[in-house]
Full PDB file with SEQRES, HELIX, SHEET, SSBOND, CRYST1, ORIGX, SCALE, CONECT and MASTER records, all heavy atoms in Angstrom:
SEQRES   1 A   36  ILE ALA ALA ILE ARG TRP SER THR ASP ASN THR TYR CYS          
SEQRES   2 A   36  ALA ASP SER VAL LYS GLY ARG PHE THR ILE SER ARG ASP          
SEQRES   3 A   36  ASN ALA LYS ASN THR VAL TYR LEU GLN MET                      
SHEET    1 AA1 2 ALA A   2  ILE A   4  0                                        
SHEET    2 AA1 2 THR A  11  CYS A  13 -1                                        
SHEET    1 AA2 2 THR A  22  ARG A  25  0                                        
SHEET    2 AA2 2 VAL A  32  GLN A  35 -1                                        
CRYST1    1.000    1.000    1.000  90.00  90.00  90.00 P 1           1          
ORIGX1      1.000000  0.000000  0.000000        0.00000                         
ORIGX2      0.000000  1.000000  0.000000        0.00000                         
ORIGX3      0.000000  0.000000  1.000000        0.00000                         
SCALE1      1.000000  0.000000  0.000000        0.00000                         
SCALE2      0.000000  1.000000  0.000000        0.00000                         
SCALE3      0.000000  0.000000  1.000000        0.00000                         
ATOM      1  N   ILE A   1       4.016   0.656  -8.759  1.00  0.00           N  
ATOM      2  CA  ILE A   1       4.126  -0.637  -8.171  1.00  0.00           C  
ATOM      3  C   ILE A   1       3.027  -0.927  -7.117  1.00  0.00           C  
ATOM      4  O   ILE A   1       2.646  -2.045  -6.886  1.00  0.00           O  
ATOM      5  CB  ILE A   1       5.526  -0.913  -7.607  1.00  0.00           C  
ATOM      6  CG1 ILE A   1       5.917   0.157  -6.552  1.00  0.00           C  
ATOM      7  CG2 ILE A   1       6.525  -0.986  -8.741  1.00  0.00           C  
ATOM      8  CD1 ILE A   1       7.219  -0.209  -5.887  1.00  0.00           C  
ATOM      9  N   ALA A   2       2.579   0.135  -6.427  1.00  0.00           N  
ATOM     10  CA  ALA A   2       1.570  -0.055  -5.394  1.00  0.00           C  
ATOM     11  C   ALA A   2       0.890   1.274  -5.153  1.00  0.00           C  
ATOM     12  O   ALA A   2       1.513   2.342  -5.286  1.00  0.00           O  
ATOM     13  CB  ALA A   2       2.115  -0.630  -4.129  1.00  0.00           C  
ATOM     14  N   ALA A   3      -0.400   1.276  -4.748  1.00  0.00           N  
ATOM     15  CA  ALA A   3      -1.088   2.424  -4.401  1.00  0.00           C  
ATOM     16  C   ALA A   3      -2.209   2.123  -3.409  1.00  0.00           C  
ATOM     17  O   ALA A   3      -2.645   1.039  -3.306  1.00  0.00           O  
ATOM     18  CB  ALA A   3      -1.753   3.138  -5.674  1.00  0.00           C  
ATOM     19  N   ILE A   4      -2.561   3.170  -2.637  1.00  0.00           N  
ATOM     20  CA  ILE A   4      -3.585   3.039  -1.632  1.00  0.00           C  
ATOM     21  C   ILE A   4      -4.570   4.199  -1.686  1.00  0.00           C  
ATOM     22  O   ILE A   4      -4.174   5.375  -1.868  1.00  0.00           O  
ATOM     23  CB  ILE A   4      -2.962   2.935  -0.169  1.00  0.00           C  
ATOM     24  CG1 ILE A   4      -4.020   2.619   0.899  1.00  0.00           C  
ATOM     25  CG2 ILE A   4      -2.160   4.173   0.171  1.00  0.00           C  
ATOM     26  CD1 ILE A   4      -3.387   2.173   2.193  1.00  0.00           C  
ATOM     27  N   ARG A   5      -5.847   3.875  -1.606  1.00  0.00           N  
ATOM     28  CA  ARG A   5      -6.898   4.896  -1.567  1.00  0.00           C  
ATOM     29  C   ARG A   5      -7.091   5.377  -0.142  1.00  0.00           C  
ATOM     30  O   ARG A   5      -7.298   4.554   0.772  1.00  0.00           O  
ATOM     31  CB  ARG A   5      -8.215   4.342  -2.112  1.00  0.00           C  
ATOM     32  CG  ARG A   5      -9.348   5.335  -2.247  1.00  0.00           C  
ATOM     33  CD  ARG A   5      -9.223   6.161  -3.456  1.00  0.00           C  
ATOM     34  NE  ARG A   5      -9.424   5.365  -4.680  1.00  0.00           N  
ATOM     35  CZ  ARG A   5      -9.225   5.827  -5.867  1.00  0.00           C  
ATOM     36  NH1 ARG A   5      -8.740   7.024  -6.111  1.00  0.00           N  
ATOM     37  NH2 ARG A   5      -9.476   5.021  -6.924  1.00  0.00           N  
ATOM     38  N   TRP A   6      -6.988   6.701   0.078  1.00  0.00           N  
ATOM     39  CA  TRP A   6      -7.055   7.285   1.400  1.00  0.00           C  
ATOM     40  C   TRP A   6      -8.346   7.003   2.152  1.00  0.00           C  
ATOM     41  O   TRP A   6      -8.346   6.636   3.332  1.00  0.00           O  
ATOM     42  CB  TRP A   6      -6.797   8.803   1.379  1.00  0.00           C  
ATOM     43  CG  TRP A   6      -5.792   9.252   2.293  1.00  0.00           C  
ATOM     44  CD1 TRP A   6      -5.950  10.175   3.288  1.00  0.00           C  
ATOM     45  CD2 TRP A   6      -4.401   8.889   2.397  1.00  0.00           C  
ATOM     46  NE1 TRP A   6      -4.838  10.376   3.970  1.00  0.00           N  
ATOM     47  CE2 TRP A   6      -3.818   9.615   3.446  1.00  0.00           C  
ATOM     48  CE3 TRP A   6      -3.579   7.998   1.660  1.00  0.00           C  
ATOM     49  CZ2 TRP A   6      -2.465   9.482   3.786  1.00  0.00           C  
ATOM     50  CZ3 TRP A   6      -2.271   7.852   2.007  1.00  0.00           C  
ATOM     51  CH2 TRP A   6      -1.716   8.593   3.068  1.00  0.00           C  
ATOM     52  N   SER A   7      -9.469   7.121   1.450  1.00  0.00           N  
ATOM     53  CA  SER A   7     -10.813   7.044   2.118  1.00  0.00           C  
ATOM     54  C   SER A   7     -11.246   5.617   2.428  1.00  0.00           C  
ATOM     55  O   SER A   7     -12.036   5.420   3.344  1.00  0.00           O  
ATOM     56  CB  SER A   7     -11.850   7.775   1.304  1.00  0.00           C  
ATOM     57  OG  SER A   7     -12.012   7.155   0.035  1.00  0.00           O  
ATOM     58  N   THR A   8     -10.800   4.657   1.652  1.00  0.00           N  
ATOM     59  CA  THR A   8     -11.220   3.302   1.783  1.00  0.00           C  
ATOM     60  C   THR A   8     -10.178   2.304   2.110  1.00  0.00           C  
ATOM     61  O   THR A   8     -10.510   1.177   2.482  1.00  0.00           O  
ATOM     62  CB  THR A   8     -11.851   2.833   0.433  1.00  0.00           C  
ATOM     63  OG1 THR A   8     -10.881   2.820  -0.563  1.00  0.00           O  
ATOM     64  CG2 THR A   8     -12.991   3.777   0.024  1.00  0.00           C  
ATOM     65  N   ASP A   9      -8.902   2.633   2.068  1.00  0.00           N  
ATOM     66  CA  ASP A   9      -7.771   1.761   2.257  1.00  0.00           C  
ATOM     67  C   ASP A   9      -7.702   0.666   1.151  1.00  0.00           C  
ATOM     68  O   ASP A   9      -6.971  -0.324   1.359  1.00  0.00           O  
ATOM     69  CB  ASP A   9      -7.773   1.094   3.649  1.00  0.00           C  
ATOM     70  CG  ASP A   9      -7.219   2.051   4.723  1.00  0.00           C  
ATOM     71  OD1 ASP A   9      -6.483   2.989   4.361  1.00  0.00           O  
ATOM     72  OD2 ASP A   9      -7.546   1.826   5.874  1.00  0.00           O  
ATOM     73  N   ASN A  10      -8.469   0.776   0.165  1.00  0.00           N  
ATOM     74  CA  ASN A  10      -8.266  -0.087  -0.999  1.00  0.00           C  
ATOM     75  C   ASN A  10      -6.875   0.027  -1.537  1.00  0.00           C  
ATOM     76  O   ASN A  10      -6.292   1.070  -1.559  1.00  0.00           O  
ATOM     77  CB  ASN A  10      -9.244   0.211  -2.117  1.00  0.00           C  
ATOM     78  CG  ASN A  10     -10.672  -0.275  -1.792  1.00  0.00           C  
ATOM     79  OD1 ASN A  10     -10.904  -0.948  -0.762  1.00  0.00           O  
ATOM     80  ND2 ASN A  10     -11.614   0.156  -2.594  1.00  0.00           N  
ATOM     81  N   THR A  11      -6.295  -1.093  -1.956  1.00  0.00           N  
ATOM     82  CA  THR A  11      -4.887  -1.106  -2.441  1.00  0.00           C  
ATOM     83  C   THR A  11      -4.823  -1.694  -3.803  1.00  0.00           C  
ATOM     84  O   THR A  11      -5.647  -2.539  -4.279  1.00  0.00           O  
ATOM     85  CB  THR A  11      -3.992  -1.850  -1.476  1.00  0.00           C  
ATOM     86  OG1 THR A  11      -4.428  -3.190  -1.363  1.00  0.00           O  
ATOM     87  CG2 THR A  11      -3.967  -1.167  -0.118  1.00  0.00           C  
ATOM     88  N   TYR A  12      -3.724  -1.332  -4.519  1.00  0.00           N  
ATOM     89  CA  TYR A  12      -3.369  -1.835  -5.790  1.00  0.00           C  
ATOM     90  C   TYR A  12      -1.933  -2.338  -5.695  1.00  0.00           C  
ATOM     91  O   TYR A  12      -1.098  -1.655  -5.062  1.00  0.00           O  
ATOM     92  CB  TYR A  12      -3.532  -0.841  -6.912  1.00  0.00           C  
ATOM     93  CG  TYR A  12      -2.758  -1.150  -8.177  1.00  0.00           C  
ATOM     94  CD1 TYR A  12      -3.328  -2.061  -9.127  1.00  0.00           C  
ATOM     95  CD2 TYR A  12      -1.494  -0.628  -8.417  1.00  0.00           C  
ATOM     96  CE1 TYR A  12      -2.594  -2.333 -10.243  1.00  0.00           C  
ATOM     97  CE2 TYR A  12      -0.771  -0.920  -9.559  1.00  0.00           C  
ATOM     98  CZ  TYR A  12      -1.337  -1.789 -10.501  1.00  0.00           C  
ATOM     99  OH  TYR A  12      -0.631  -2.125 -11.619  1.00  0.00           O  
ATOM    100  N   CYS A  13      -1.634  -3.422  -6.337  1.00  0.00           N  
ATOM    101  CA  CYS A  13      -0.288  -3.894  -6.372  1.00  0.00           C  
ATOM    102  C   CYS A  13       0.028  -4.435  -7.829  1.00  0.00           C  
ATOM    103  O   CYS A  13      -0.761  -5.204  -8.340  1.00  0.00           O  
ATOM    104  CB  CYS A  13      -0.026  -4.974  -5.312  1.00  0.00           C  
ATOM    105  SG  CYS A  13       1.712  -5.446  -5.107  1.00  0.00           S  
ATOM    106  N   ALA A  14       1.108  -4.015  -8.375  1.00  0.00           N  
ATOM    107  CA  ALA A  14       1.460  -4.436  -9.746  1.00  0.00           C  
ATOM    108  C   ALA A  14       1.775  -5.919  -9.716  1.00  0.00           C  
ATOM    109  O   ALA A  14       2.307  -6.470  -8.805  1.00  0.00           O  
ATOM    110  CB  ALA A  14       2.672  -3.641 -10.272  1.00  0.00           C  
ATOM    111  N   ASP A  15       1.528  -6.575 -10.885  1.00  0.00           N  
ATOM    112  CA  ASP A  15       1.785  -7.975 -11.025  1.00  0.00           C  
ATOM    113  C   ASP A  15       3.257  -8.356 -10.732  1.00  0.00           C  
ATOM    114  O   ASP A  15       3.574  -9.402 -10.251  1.00  0.00           O  
ATOM    115  CB  ASP A  15       1.368  -8.487 -12.369  1.00  0.00           C  
ATOM    116  CG  ASP A  15      -0.119  -8.487 -12.599  1.00  0.00           C  
ATOM    117  OD1 ASP A  15      -0.873  -8.498 -11.566  1.00  0.00           O  
ATOM    118  OD2 ASP A  15      -0.562  -8.553 -13.719  1.00  0.00           O  
ATOM    119  N   SER A  16       4.131  -7.447 -11.091  1.00  0.00           N  
ATOM    120  CA  SER A  16       5.598  -7.715 -10.969  1.00  0.00           C  
ATOM    121  C   SER A  16       6.002  -7.862  -9.512  1.00  0.00           C  
ATOM    122  O   SER A  16       7.095  -8.492  -9.237  1.00  0.00           O  
ATOM    123  CB  SER A  16       6.387  -6.622 -11.670  1.00  0.00           C  
ATOM    124  OG  SER A  16       6.094  -5.372 -11.064  1.00  0.00           O  
ATOM    125  N   VAL A  17       5.245  -7.314  -8.539  1.00  0.00           N  
ATOM    126  CA  VAL A  17       5.640  -7.364  -7.149  1.00  0.00           C  
ATOM    127  C   VAL A  17       4.554  -7.991  -6.292  1.00  0.00           C  
ATOM    128  O   VAL A  17       4.738  -8.153  -5.087  1.00  0.00           O  
ATOM    129  CB  VAL A  17       5.993  -6.008  -6.626  1.00  0.00           C  
ATOM    130  CG1 VAL A  17       7.198  -5.398  -7.414  1.00  0.00           C  
ATOM    131  CG2 VAL A  17       4.823  -5.062  -6.666  1.00  0.00           C  
ATOM    132  N   LYS A  18       3.412  -8.391  -6.854  1.00  0.00           N  
ATOM    133  CA  LYS A  18       2.292  -8.931  -6.080  1.00  0.00           C  
ATOM    134  C   LYS A  18       2.788 -10.219  -5.405  1.00  0.00           C  
ATOM    135  O   LYS A  18       3.424 -11.048  -5.929  1.00  0.00           O  
ATOM    136  CB  LYS A  18       1.131  -9.227  -7.057  1.00  0.00           C  
ATOM    137  CG  LYS A  18      -0.130  -9.556  -6.303  1.00  0.00           C  
ATOM    138  CD  LYS A  18      -1.346  -9.714  -7.279  1.00  0.00           C  
ATOM    139  CE  LYS A  18      -1.585  -8.398  -7.966  1.00  0.00           C  
ATOM    140  NZ  LYS A  18      -2.753  -8.467  -8.910  1.00  0.00           N  
ATOM    141  N   GLY A  19       2.379 -10.268  -4.121  1.00  0.00           N  
ATOM    142  CA  GLY A  19       2.757 -11.368  -3.267  1.00  0.00           C  
ATOM    143  C   GLY A  19       4.028 -11.139  -2.493  1.00  0.00           C  
ATOM    144  O   GLY A  19       4.349 -11.911  -1.545  1.00  0.00           O  
ATOM    145  N   ARG A  20       4.814 -10.161  -2.911  1.00  0.00           N  
ATOM    146  CA  ARG A  20       6.115  -9.814  -2.221  1.00  0.00           C  
ATOM    147  C   ARG A  20       6.045  -8.523  -1.545  1.00  0.00           C  
ATOM    148  O   ARG A  20       6.657  -8.332  -0.495  1.00  0.00           O  
ATOM    149  CB  ARG A  20       7.254  -9.888  -3.229  1.00  0.00           C  
ATOM    150  CG  ARG A  20       7.454 -11.210  -3.873  1.00  0.00           C  
ATOM    151  CD  ARG A  20       8.786 -11.259  -4.669  1.00  0.00           C  
ATOM    152  NE  ARG A  20       8.720 -10.279  -5.809  1.00  0.00           N  
ATOM    153  CZ  ARG A  20       9.594  -9.325  -5.967  1.00  0.00           C  
ATOM    154  NH1 ARG A  20      10.519  -9.093  -5.080  1.00  0.00           N  
ATOM    155  NH2 ARG A  20       9.460  -8.497  -7.019  1.00  0.00           N  
ATOM    156  N   PHE A  21       5.367  -7.536  -2.188  1.00  0.00           N  
ATOM    157  CA  PHE A  21       5.308  -6.153  -1.598  1.00  0.00           C  
ATOM    158  C   PHE A  21       3.922  -5.853  -1.103  1.00  0.00           C  
ATOM    159  O   PHE A  21       2.914  -6.316  -1.626  1.00  0.00           O  
ATOM    160  CB  PHE A  21       5.563  -5.134  -2.755  1.00  0.00           C  
ATOM    161  CG  PHE A  21       7.000  -5.103  -3.233  1.00  0.00           C  
ATOM    162  CD1 PHE A  21       7.946  -6.057  -2.941  1.00  0.00           C  
ATOM    163  CD2 PHE A  21       7.386  -4.061  -4.076  1.00  0.00           C  
ATOM    164  CE1 PHE A  21       9.218  -6.077  -3.400  1.00  0.00           C  
ATOM    165  CE2 PHE A  21       8.706  -3.985  -4.568  1.00  0.00           C  
ATOM    166  CZ  PHE A  21       9.580  -5.045  -4.236  1.00  0.00           C  
ATOM    167  N   THR A  22       3.860  -5.115   0.011  1.00  0.00           N  
ATOM    168  CA  THR A  22       2.610  -4.719   0.641  1.00  0.00           C  
ATOM    169  C   THR A  22       2.643  -3.263   0.954  1.00  0.00           C  
ATOM    170  O   THR A  22       3.621  -2.780   1.570  1.00  0.00           O  
ATOM    171  CB  THR A  22       2.356  -5.504   1.901  1.00  0.00           C  
ATOM    172  OG1 THR A  22       2.316  -6.922   1.608  1.00  0.00           O  
ATOM    173  CG2 THR A  22       1.002  -5.136   2.551  1.00  0.00           C  
ATOM    174  N   ILE A  23       1.597  -2.489   0.664  1.00  0.00           N  
ATOM    175  CA  ILE A  23       1.478  -1.171   0.951  1.00  0.00           C  
ATOM    176  C   ILE A  23       0.509  -0.985   2.152  1.00  0.00           C  
ATOM    177  O   ILE A  23      -0.463  -1.708   2.202  1.00  0.00           O  
ATOM    178  CB  ILE A  23       0.978  -0.316  -0.245  1.00  0.00           C  
ATOM    179  CG1 ILE A  23       1.054   1.231   0.114  1.00  0.00           C  
ATOM    180  CG2 ILE A  23      -0.383  -0.688  -0.754  1.00  0.00           C  
ATOM    181  CD1 ILE A  23       0.776   2.083  -1.132  1.00  0.00           C  
ATOM    182  N   SER A  24       0.804  -0.072   3.068  1.00  0.00           N  
ATOM    183  CA  SER A  24      -0.050   0.130   4.223  1.00  0.00           C  
ATOM    184  C   SER A  24       0.153   1.558   4.743  1.00  0.00           C  
ATOM    185  O   SER A  24       1.067   2.242   4.325  1.00  0.00           O  
ATOM    186  CB  SER A  24       0.294  -0.848   5.345  1.00  0.00           C  
ATOM    187  OG  SER A  24       1.619  -0.731   5.820  1.00  0.00           O  
ATOM    188  N   ARG A  25      -0.797   1.985   5.608  1.00  0.00           N  
ATOM    189  CA  ARG A  25      -0.801   3.330   6.103  1.00  0.00           C  
ATOM    190  C   ARG A  25      -0.925   3.278   7.651  1.00  0.00           C  
ATOM    191  O   ARG A  25      -1.658   2.467   8.160  1.00  0.00           O  
ATOM    192  CB  ARG A  25      -1.968   4.110   5.521  1.00  0.00           C  
ATOM    193  CG  ARG A  25      -2.002   5.571   5.871  1.00  0.00           C  
ATOM    194  CD  ARG A  25      -3.170   6.264   5.192  1.00  0.00           C  
ATOM    195  NE  ARG A  25      -4.484   5.698   5.647  1.00  0.00           N  
ATOM    196  CZ  ARG A  25      -5.653   5.959   5.089  1.00  0.00           C  
ATOM    197  NH1 ARG A  25      -5.722   6.794   4.050  1.00  0.00           N  
ATOM    198  NH2 ARG A  25      -6.743   5.420   5.578  1.00  0.00           N  
ATOM    199  N   ASP A  26      -0.268   4.199   8.354  1.00  0.00           N  
ATOM    200  CA  ASP A  26      -0.332   4.210   9.818  1.00  0.00           C  
ATOM    201  C   ASP A  26      -1.649   4.884  10.299  1.00  0.00           C  
ATOM    202  O   ASP A  26      -2.351   5.502   9.486  1.00  0.00           O  
ATOM    203  CB  ASP A  26       0.912   4.791  10.390  1.00  0.00           C  
ATOM    204  CG  ASP A  26       0.994   6.307  10.245  1.00  0.00           C  
ATOM    205  OD1 ASP A  26       0.110   6.909   9.610  1.00  0.00           O  
ATOM    206  OD2 ASP A  26       2.018   6.914  10.714  1.00  0.00           O  
ATOM    207  N   ASN A  27      -1.929   4.830  11.587  1.00  0.00           N  
ATOM    208  CA  ASN A  27      -3.160   5.341  12.132  1.00  0.00           C  
ATOM    209  C   ASN A  27      -3.260   6.872  11.985  1.00  0.00           C  
ATOM    210  O   ASN A  27      -4.348   7.427  11.943  1.00  0.00           O  
ATOM    211  CB  ASN A  27      -3.306   4.951  13.620  1.00  0.00           C  
ATOM    212  CG  ASN A  27      -3.549   3.464  13.739  1.00  0.00           C  
ATOM    213  OD1 ASN A  27      -4.048   2.772  12.913  1.00  0.00           O  
ATOM    214  ND2 ASN A  27      -3.163   2.895  14.944  1.00  0.00           N  
ATOM    215  N   ALA A  28      -2.124   7.545  12.005  1.00  0.00           N  
ATOM    216  CA  ALA A  28      -2.152   8.971  11.952  1.00  0.00           C  
ATOM    217  C   ALA A  28      -2.388   9.449  10.526  1.00  0.00           C  
ATOM    218  O   ALA A  28      -2.567  10.646  10.277  1.00  0.00           O  
ATOM    219  CB  ALA A  28      -0.835   9.534  12.409  1.00  0.00           C  
ATOM    220  N   LYS A  29      -2.339   8.538   9.535  1.00  0.00           N  
ATOM    221  CA  LYS A  29      -2.592   8.881   8.117  1.00  0.00           C  
ATOM    222  C   LYS A  29      -1.624   9.849   7.560  1.00  0.00           C  
ATOM    223  O   LYS A  29      -1.961  10.604   6.639  1.00  0.00           O  
ATOM    224  CB  LYS A  29      -4.058   9.315   7.880  1.00  0.00           C  
ATOM    225  CG  LYS A  29      -5.110   8.305   8.295  1.00  0.00           C  
ATOM    226  CD  LYS A  29      -6.469   8.880   7.928  1.00  0.00           C  
ATOM    227  CE  LYS A  29      -7.541   7.836   8.318  1.00  0.00           C  
ATOM    228  NZ  LYS A  29      -8.887   8.290   8.008  1.00  0.00           N  
ATOM    229  N   ASN A  30      -0.366   9.858   8.105  1.00  0.00           N  
ATOM    230  CA  ASN A  30       0.604  10.749   7.554  1.00  0.00           C  
ATOM    231  C   ASN A  30       1.863   9.980   7.084  1.00  0.00           C  
ATOM    232  O   ASN A  30       2.849  10.643   6.570  1.00  0.00           O  
ATOM    233  CB  ASN A  30       0.946  11.774   8.582  1.00  0.00           C  
ATOM    234  CG  ASN A  30       1.557  11.263   9.846  1.00  0.00           C  
ATOM    235  OD1 ASN A  30       1.669  10.006  10.036  1.00  0.00           O  
ATOM    236  ND2 ASN A  30       1.971  12.113  10.763  1.00  0.00           N  
ATOM    237  N   THR A  31       1.865   8.703   7.234  1.00  0.00           N  
ATOM    238  CA  THR A  31       2.977   7.872   6.779  1.00  0.00           C  
ATOM    239  C   THR A  31       2.477   6.616   6.113  1.00  0.00           C  
ATOM    240  O   THR A  31       1.626   5.944   6.608  1.00  0.00           O  
ATOM    241  CB  THR A  31       3.935   7.494   7.909  1.00  0.00           C  
ATOM    242  OG1 THR A  31       4.457   8.713   8.566  1.00  0.00           O  
ATOM    243  CG2 THR A  31       5.133   6.672   7.437  1.00  0.00           C  
ATOM    244  N   VAL A  32       3.061   6.298   4.948  1.00  0.00           N  
ATOM    245  CA  VAL A  32       2.684   5.164   4.196  1.00  0.00           C  
ATOM    246  C   VAL A  32       3.937   4.291   4.053  1.00  0.00           C  
ATOM    247  O   VAL A  32       5.035   4.866   3.802  1.00  0.00           O  
ATOM    248  CB  VAL A  32       2.085   5.482   2.831  1.00  0.00           C  
ATOM    249  CG1 VAL A  32       1.940   4.264   1.951  1.00  0.00           C  
ATOM    250  CG2 VAL A  32       0.724   6.154   3.012  1.00  0.00           C  
ATOM    251  N   TYR A  33       3.787   2.968   4.184  1.00  0.00           N  
ATOM    252  CA  TYR A  33       4.933   2.096   4.160  1.00  0.00           C  
ATOM    253  C   TYR A  33       4.813   1.176   2.919  1.00  0.00           C  
ATOM    254  O   TYR A  33       3.693   0.886   2.451  1.00  0.00           O  
ATOM    255  CB  TYR A  33       4.946   1.198   5.401  1.00  0.00           C  
ATOM    256  CG  TYR A  33       4.979   1.974   6.679  1.00  0.00           C  
ATOM    257  CD1 TYR A  33       3.839   2.157   7.435  1.00  0.00           C  
ATOM    258  CD2 TYR A  33       6.150   2.548   7.122  1.00  0.00           C  
ATOM    259  CE1 TYR A  33       3.873   2.873   8.629  1.00  0.00           C  
ATOM    260  CE2 TYR A  33       6.210   3.288   8.326  1.00  0.00           C  
ATOM    261  CZ  TYR A  33       5.010   3.434   9.055  1.00  0.00           C  
ATOM    262  OH  TYR A  33       5.077   4.164  10.237  1.00  0.00           O  
ATOM    263  N   LEU A  34       5.938   0.800   2.399  1.00  0.00           N  
ATOM    264  CA  LEU A  34       6.041  -0.260   1.402  1.00  0.00           C  
ATOM    265  C   LEU A  34       6.920  -1.345   1.952  1.00  0.00           C  
ATOM    266  O   LEU A  34       8.167  -1.199   1.994  1.00  0.00           O  
ATOM    267  CB  LEU A  34       6.553   0.277   0.132  1.00  0.00           C  
ATOM    268  CG  LEU A  34       6.616  -0.741  -1.054  1.00  0.00           C  
ATOM    269  CD1 LEU A  34       5.182  -1.096  -1.488  1.00  0.00           C  
ATOM    270  CD2 LEU A  34       7.410  -0.166  -2.230  1.00  0.00           C  
ATOM    271  N   GLN A  35       6.295  -2.435   2.397  1.00  0.00           N  
ATOM    272  CA  GLN A  35       7.083  -3.604   2.871  1.00  0.00           C  
ATOM    273  C   GLN A  35       7.460  -4.414   1.695  1.00  0.00           C  
ATOM    274  O   GLN A  35       6.581  -4.911   0.914  1.00  0.00           O  
ATOM    275  CB  GLN A  35       6.258  -4.403   3.879  1.00  0.00           C  
ATOM    276  CG  GLN A  35       6.886  -5.665   4.389  1.00  0.00           C  
ATOM    277  CD  GLN A  35       8.099  -5.309   5.279  1.00  0.00           C  
ATOM    278  OE1 GLN A  35       7.990  -4.417   6.127  1.00  0.00           O  
ATOM    279  NE2 GLN A  35       9.198  -6.024   5.069  1.00  0.00           N  
ATOM    280  N   MET A  36       8.730  -4.650   1.519  1.00  0.00           N  
ATOM    281  CA  MET A  36       9.266  -5.370   0.366  1.00  0.00           C  
ATOM    282  C   MET A  36       9.945  -6.608   0.914  1.00  0.00           C  
ATOM    283  O   MET A  36      10.961  -6.572   1.636  1.00  0.00           O  
ATOM    284  CB  MET A  36      10.254  -4.499  -0.411  1.00  0.00           C  
ATOM    285  CG  MET A  36       9.659  -3.221  -0.903  1.00  0.00           C  
ATOM    286  SD  MET A  36      10.773  -2.251  -1.957  1.00  0.00           S  
ATOM    287  CE  MET A  36      12.092  -1.899  -0.868  1.00  0.00           C  
TER     288      MET A  36                                                      
MASTER        0    0    0    0    4    0    0    6  287    1    0    3          
END                                                                             
């Protein structure tokens, strides 16, 4: 449903959830969030 590239922060979001879900990463790069 969503993915993030570590080195670039590029993201992917599936069409089924696009516009509703957001993937992000914190500054420590050890936690990733999925906001739904």
